[in-house]
């Protein structure tokens, strides 16, 4: 029994490392394809958005999470369930704005940046920007418009990675006339 548990852990670690290395290859290729870091950042966000739009269905099916009643509950679901499910980490939720419409996710360990060092000529690259797009795309599919951006990044010398999320508005369903 313990041998099987050891294999499962080893397999999960190998999958995580493969994902990290594959993501690194993707970012490297984008850096070669685009002339500046801003264009790479936009592409990573766009790719993440497209992933998030599709990933939300899998998340809702696998997690059995119902509709969140407020942004605080949404933050808890993102940090405690979604990040754990897909990246194997649980970021902490901090720095709530007084209005409760903005918070930070603090990642003590960002699995996307394992084995990564940013070259000096890519100082404005937001290496993990894919995550911002994923969060934005997934939340848009559940009728929440949000602004998501990196505020701190361990790749740039910060002690933690911080993702700032701001609620913009609830998106109303636009049903065709006569349908409800």
C-alpha atoms as a PDB file:
ATOM      1  CA  UNK A   1       0.000   0.000   0.000  1.00  0.00           C
ATOM      2  CA  UNK A   2       2.729   2.486   0.879  1.00  0.00           C
ATOM      3  CA  UNK A   3       4.495   1.694  -2.389  1.00  0.00           C
ATOM      4  CA  UNK A   4       1.372   2.681  -4.331  1.00  0.00           C
ATOM      5  CA  UNK A   5       1.040   5.927  -2.398  1.00  0.00           C
ATOM      6  CA  UNK A   6       4.712   6.654  -3.098  1.00  0.00           C
ATOM      7  CA  UNK A   7       4.194   6.045  -6.815  1.00  0.00           C
ATOM      8  CA  UNK A   8       1.171   8.342  -6.923  1.00  0.00           C
ATOM      9  CA  UNK A   9       3.147  11.121  -5.236  1.00  0.00           C
ATOM     10  CA  UNK A  10       6.114  10.532  -7.546  1.00  0.00           C
ATOM     11  CA  UNK A  11       3.842  10.547 -10.600  1.00  0.00           C
ATOM     12  CA  UNK A  12       2.176  13.790  -9.490  1.00  0.00           C
ATOM     13  CA  UNK A  13       5.598  15.395  -8.942  1.00  0.00           C
ATOM     14  CA  UNK A  14       6.735  14.284 -12.403  1.00  0.00           C
ATOM     15  CA  UNK A  15       3.543  15.694 -13.951  1.00  0.00           C
ATOM     16  CA  UNK A  16       4.075  18.968 -12.109  1.00  0.00           C
ATOM     17  CA  UNK A  17       7.683  19.204 -13.277  1.00  0.00           C
ATOM     18  CA  UNK A  18       6.686  18.345 -16.850  1.00  0.00           C
ATOM     19  CA  UNK A  19       4.031  21.074 -16.765  1.00  0.00           C
ATOM     20  CA  UNK A  20       6.534  23.588 -15.396  1.00  0.00           C
ATOM     21  CA  UNK A  21       9.119  22.759 -18.048  1.00  0.00           C
ATOM     22  CA  UNK A  22       6.528  22.781 -20.841  1.00  0.00           C
ATOM     23  CA  UNK A  23       5.274  26.179 -19.700  1.00  0.00           C
ATOM     24  CA  UNK A  24       8.868  27.422 -19.683  1.00  0.00           C
ATOM     25  CA  UNK A  25       9.315  26.235 -23.274  1.00  0.00           C
ATOM     26  CA  UNK A  26       6.108  28.061 -24.250  1.00  0.00           C
ATOM     27  CA  UNK A  27       7.279  31.334 -22.692  1.00  0.00           C
ATOM     28  CA  UNK A  28      10.699  30.933 -24.312  1.00  0.00           C
ATOM     29  CA  UNK A  29       9.090  30.477 -27.726  1.00  0.00           C
ATOM     30  CA  UNK A  30       6.845  33.517 -27.209  1.00  0.00           C
ATOM     31  CA  UNK A  31       9.935  35.578 -26.332  1.00  0.00           C
ATOM     32  CA  UNK A  32      11.484  34.490 -29.623  1.00  0.00           C
ATOM     33  CA  UNK A  33       8.304  35.171 -31.623  1.00  0.00           C
ATOM     34  CA  UNK A  34       7.558  38.645 -30.251  1.00  0.00           C
ATOM     35  CA  UNK A  35       9.848  41.645 -30.216  1.00  0.00           C
ATOM     36  CA  UNK A  36       9.136  42.957 -26.738  1.00  0.00           C
ATOM     37  CA  UNK A  37       8.019  41.765 -23.333  1.00  0.00           C
ATOM     38  CA  UNK A  38       4.735  43.713 -23.454  1.00  0.00           C
ATOM     39  CA  UNK A  39       3.613  41.678 -26.473  1.00  0.00           C
ATOM     40  CA  UNK A  40       4.610  38.438 -24.726  1.00  0.00           C
ATOM     41  CA  UNK A  41       2.692  39.538 -21.603  1.00  0.00           C
ATOM     42  CA  UNK A  42      -0.402  40.219 -23.744  1.00  0.00           C
ATOM     43  CA  UNK A  43      -0.126  36.814 -25.434  1.00  0.00           C
ATOM     44  CA  UNK A  44       0.235  35.007 -22.089  1.00  0.00           C
ATOM     45  CA  UNK A  45      -2.827  36.843 -20.769  1.00  0.00           C
ATOM     46  CA  UNK A  46      -4.806  36.028 -23.912  1.00  0.00           C
ATOM     47  CA  UNK A  47      -3.812  32.346 -23.770  1.00  0.00           C
ATOM     48  CA  UNK A  48      -4.687  32.221 -20.079  1.00  0.00           C
ATOM     49  CA  UNK A  49      -8.053  33.843 -20.747  1.00  0.00           C
ATOM     50  CA  UNK A  50      -8.877  31.173 -23.345  1.00  0.00           C
ATOM     51  CA  UNK A  51      -7.837  28.446 -20.905  1.00  0.00           C
ATOM     52  CA  UNK A  52      -9.938  29.981 -18.109  1.00  0.00           C
ATOM     53  CA  UNK A  53     -13.029  30.168 -20.319  1.00  0.00           C
ATOM     54  CA  UNK A  54     -12.790  26.409 -20.839  1.00  0.00           C
ATOM     55  CA  UNK A  55     -11.388  25.406 -17.447  1.00  0.00           C
ATOM     56  CA  UNK A  56     -14.323  26.792 -15.470  1.00  0.00           C
ATOM     57  CA  UNK A  57     -16.598  24.003 -16.713  1.00  0.00           C
ATOM     58  CA  UNK A  58     -14.165  21.351 -15.518  1.00  0.00           C
ATOM     59  CA  UNK A  59     -13.735  23.164 -12.211  1.00  0.00           C
ATOM     60  CA  UNK A  60     -17.481  23.430 -11.557  1.00  0.00           C
ATOM     61  CA  UNK A  61     -18.035  19.767 -12.476  1.00  0.00           C
ATOM     62  CA  UNK A  62     -15.180  18.451 -10.322  1.00  0.00           C
ATOM     63  CA  UNK A  63     -15.541  20.729  -7.299  1.00  0.00           C
ATOM     64  CA  UNK A  64     -19.335  20.742  -6.831  1.00  0.00           C
ATOM     65  CA  UNK A  65     -19.085  24.397  -5.807  1.00  0.00           C
ATOM     66  CA  UNK A  66     -22.317  26.364  -6.034  1.00  0.00           C
ATOM     67  CA  UNK A  67     -22.745  30.005  -6.937  1.00  0.00           C
ATOM     68  CA  UNK A  68     -20.738  32.352  -4.716  1.00  0.00           C
ATOM     69  CA  UNK A  69     -22.775  35.021  -2.929  1.00  0.00           C
ATOM     70  CA  UNK A  70     -20.077  37.687  -2.751  1.00  0.00           C
ATOM     71  CA  UNK A  71     -16.513  38.492  -3.770  1.00  0.00           C
ATOM     72  CA  UNK A  72     -15.093  37.249  -0.443  1.00  0.00           C
ATOM     73  CA  UNK A  73     -16.610  33.828  -1.020  1.00  0.00           C
ATOM     74  CA  UNK A  74     -15.245  33.878  -4.582  1.00  0.00           C
ATOM     75  CA  UNK A  75     -11.767  34.642  -3.211  1.00  0.00           C
ATOM     76  CA  UNK A  76     -12.002  31.671  -0.828  1.00  0.00           C
ATOM     77  CA  UNK A  77     -13.055  29.306  -3.608  1.00  0.00           C
ATOM     78  CA  UNK A  78     -10.236  30.509  -5.867  1.00  0.00           C
ATOM     79  CA  UNK A  79      -7.539  30.212  -3.203  1.00  0.00           C
ATOM     80  CA  UNK A  80      -8.652  27.134  -1.274  1.00  0.00           C
ATOM     81  CA  UNK A  81     -10.140  25.000  -4.038  1.00  0.00           C
ATOM     82  CA  UNK A  82      -9.127  26.121  -7.550  1.00  0.00           C
ATOM     83  CA  UNK A  83      -5.418  26.779  -6.941  1.00  0.00           C
ATOM     84  CA  UNK A  84      -5.166  23.598  -4.885  1.00  0.00           C
ATOM     85  CA  UNK A  85      -6.943  21.554  -7.571  1.00  0.00           C
ATOM     86  CA  UNK A  86      -4.921  22.757 -10.544  1.00  0.00           C
ATOM     87  CA  UNK A  87      -1.562  23.909  -9.159  1.00  0.00           C
ATOM     88  CA  UNK A  88      -1.337  22.049  -5.853  1.00  0.00           C
ATOM     89  CA  UNK A  89      -0.896  25.237  -3.808  1.00  0.00           C
ATOM     90  CA  UNK A  90      -3.094  27.303  -1.504  1.00  0.00           C
ATOM     91  CA  UNK A  91      -2.370  31.024  -1.721  1.00  0.00           C
ATOM     92  CA  UNK A  92      -3.290  33.252   1.182  1.00  0.00           C
ATOM     93  CA  UNK A  93      -5.890  35.987   0.759  1.00  0.00           C
ATOM     94  CA  UNK A  94      -4.803  39.397   2.071  1.00  0.00           C
ATOM     95  CA  UNK A  95      -5.004  43.155   1.602  1.00  0.00           C
ATOM     96  CA  UNK A  96      -8.768  43.484   1.218  1.00  0.00           C
ATOM     97  CA  UNK A  97      -9.830  46.955   0.149  1.00  0.00           C
ATOM     98  CA  UNK A  98     -12.209  48.762   2.543  1.00  0.00           C
ATOM     99  CA  UNK A  99     -15.054  48.302   0.039  1.00  0.00           C
ATOM    100  CA  UNK A 100     -14.426  44.550  -0.205  1.00  0.00           C
ATOM    101  CA  UNK A 101     -14.006  44.721  -3.982  1.00  0.00           C
ATOM    102  CA  UNK A 102     -10.269  44.112  -4.172  1.00  0.00           C
ATOM    103  CA  UNK A 103      -7.838  41.624  -2.609  1.00  0.00           C
ATOM    104  CA  UNK A 104      -4.452  39.996  -3.092  1.00  0.00           C
ATOM    105  CA  UNK A 105      -3.537  36.351  -3.513  1.00  0.00           C
ATOM    106  CA  UNK A 106      -0.104  35.682  -2.018  1.00  0.00           C
ATOM    107  CA  UNK A 107       1.715  32.701  -3.490  1.00  0.00           C
ATOM    108  CA  UNK A 108       4.554  31.616  -1.234  1.00  0.00           C
ATOM    109  CA  UNK A 109       5.537  29.105  -3.906  1.00  0.00           C
ATOM    110  CA  UNK A 110       4.578  29.604  -7.557  1.00  0.00           C
ATOM    111  CA  UNK A 111       5.025  26.238  -9.297  1.00  0.00           C
ATOM    112  CA  UNK A 112       5.281  27.923 -12.705  1.00  0.00           C
ATOM    113  CA  UNK A 113       8.619  29.499 -11.787  1.00  0.00           C
ATOM    114  CA  UNK A 114      10.467  26.389 -10.602  1.00  0.00           C
ATOM    115  CA  UNK A 115      13.755  26.107 -12.543  1.00  0.00           C
ATOM    116  CA  UNK A 116      13.339  29.670 -13.943  1.00  0.00           C
ATOM    117  CA  UNK A 117      15.637  32.693 -13.977  1.00  0.00           C
ATOM    118  CA  UNK A 118      14.667  35.770 -15.965  1.00  0.00           C
ATOM    119  CA  UNK A 119      17.399  37.038 -18.278  1.00  0.00           C
ATOM    120  CA  UNK A 120      18.379  40.688 -17.779  1.00  0.00           C
ATOM    121  CA  UNK A 121      16.999  41.623 -21.202  1.00  0.00           C
ATOM    122  CA  UNK A 122      13.496  40.490 -20.140  1.00  0.00           C
ATOM    123  CA  UNK A 123      13.059  42.611 -17.020  1.00  0.00           C
ATOM    124  CA  UNK A 124       9.484  43.649 -17.927  1.00  0.00           C
ATOM    125  CA  UNK A 125       8.321  40.110 -18.707  1.00  0.00           C
ATOM    126  CA  UNK A 126       5.485  38.957 -16.442  1.00  0.00           C
ATOM    127  CA  UNK A 127       6.426  35.294 -16.661  1.00  0.00           C
ATOM    128  CA  UNK A 128       3.307  33.853 -14.984  1.00  0.00           C
ATOM    129  CA  UNK A 129       0.852  36.251 -16.648  1.00  0.00           C
ATOM    130  CA  UNK A 130      -1.050  33.217 -17.935  1.00  0.00           C
ATOM    131  CA  UNK A 131      -2.541  32.922 -14.421  1.00  0.00           C
ATOM    132  CA  UNK A 132      -4.097  36.387 -14.657  1.00  0.00           C
ATOM    133  CA  UNK A 133      -5.777  35.455 -17.912  1.00  0.00           C
ATOM    134  CA  UNK A 134      -7.044  32.151 -16.501  1.00  0.00           C
ATOM    135  CA  UNK A 135      -8.628  33.894 -13.517  1.00  0.00           C
ATOM    136  CA  UNK A 136     -10.164  36.623 -15.684  1.00  0.00           C
ATOM    137  CA  UNK A 137     -11.545  34.164 -18.245  1.00  0.00           C
ATOM    138  CA  UNK A 138     -12.962  31.747 -15.687  1.00  0.00           C
ATOM    139  CA  UNK A 139     -14.659  34.467 -13.655  1.00  0.00           C
ATOM    140  CA  UNK A 140     -16.100  36.077 -16.763  1.00  0.00           C
ATOM    141  CA  UNK A 141     -17.849  32.776 -17.523  1.00  0.00           C
ATOM    142  CA  UNK A 142     -19.587  32.995 -14.138  1.00  0.00           C
ATOM    143  CA  UNK A 143     -20.667  36.593 -14.809  1.00  0.00           C
ATOM    144  CA  UNK A 144     -17.888  38.437 -12.963  1.00  0.00           C
ATOM    145  CA  UNK A 145     -15.755  41.054 -14.673  1.00  0.00           C
ATOM    146  CA  UNK A 146     -12.457  41.415 -12.815  1.00  0.00           C
ATOM    147  CA  UNK A 147      -9.107  43.093 -13.258  1.00  0.00           C
ATOM    148  CA  UNK A 148      -6.203  40.769 -12.437  1.00  0.00           C
ATOM    149  CA  UNK A 149      -2.520  41.720 -12.353  1.00  0.00           C
ATOM    150  CA  UNK A 150       0.775  40.788 -10.784  1.00  0.00           C
ATOM    151  CA  UNK A 151       1.961  43.221  -8.120  1.00  0.00           C
ATOM    152  CA  UNK A 152       4.993  41.283  -6.835  1.00  0.00           C
ATOM    153  CA  UNK A 153       6.970  38.440  -8.355  1.00  0.00           C
ATOM    154  CA  UNK A 154       9.691  36.258  -6.836  1.00  0.00           C
ATOM    155  CA  UNK A 155      11.366  36.142 -10.258  1.00  0.00           C
ATOM    156  CA  UNK A 156      11.948  39.880  -9.929  1.00  0.00           C
ATOM    157  CA  UNK A 157      13.442  39.677  -6.453  1.00  0.00           C
ATOM    158  CA  UNK A 158      10.287  40.061  -4.367  1.00  0.00           C
ATOM    159  CA  UNK A 159       9.872  37.768  -1.357  1.00  0.00           C
ATOM    160  CA  UNK A 160       6.470  36.490  -2.551  1.00  0.00           C
ATOM    161  CA  UNK A 161       4.340  36.450  -5.670  1.00  0.00           C
ATOM    162  CA  UNK A 162       1.258  38.657  -5.315  1.00  0.00           C
ATOM    163  CA  UNK A 163      -1.702  38.659  -7.674  1.00  0.00           C
ATOM    164  CA  UNK A 164      -4.112  41.568  -7.201  1.00  0.00           C
ATOM    165  CA  UNK A 165      -7.771  40.998  -8.101  1.00  0.00           C
ATOM    166  CA  UNK A 166     -10.350  43.762  -8.393  1.00  0.00           C
ATOM    167  CA  UNK A 167     -14.060  43.218  -8.920  1.00  0.00           C
ATOM    168  CA  UNK A 168     -15.299  45.486 -11.715  1.00  0.00           C
ATOM    169  CA  UNK A 169     -18.923  44.485 -12.192  1.00  0.00           C
ATOM    170  CA  UNK A 170     -21.375  41.629 -12.422  1.00  0.00           C
ATOM    171  CA  UNK A 171     -22.046  40.685 -16.036  1.00  0.00           C
ATOM    172  CA  UNK A 172     -25.726  40.406 -16.843  1.00  0.00           C
ATOM    173  CA  UNK A 173     -26.914  37.536 -19.017  1.00  0.00           C
ATOM    174  CA  UNK A 174     -28.050  38.797 -22.369  1.00  0.00           C
ATOM    175  CA  UNK A 175     -30.819  36.359 -23.266  1.00  0.00           C
ATOM    176  CA  UNK A 176     -32.656  36.683 -26.547  1.00  0.00           C
ATOM    177  CA  UNK A 177     -36.083  38.374 -26.281  1.00  0.00           C
ATOM    178  CA  UNK A 178     -38.751  35.977 -25.006  1.00  0.00           C
ATOM    179  CA  UNK A 179     -36.309  33.557 -23.306  1.00  0.00           C
ATOM    180  CA  UNK A 180     -35.697  33.346 -19.591  1.00  0.00           C
END
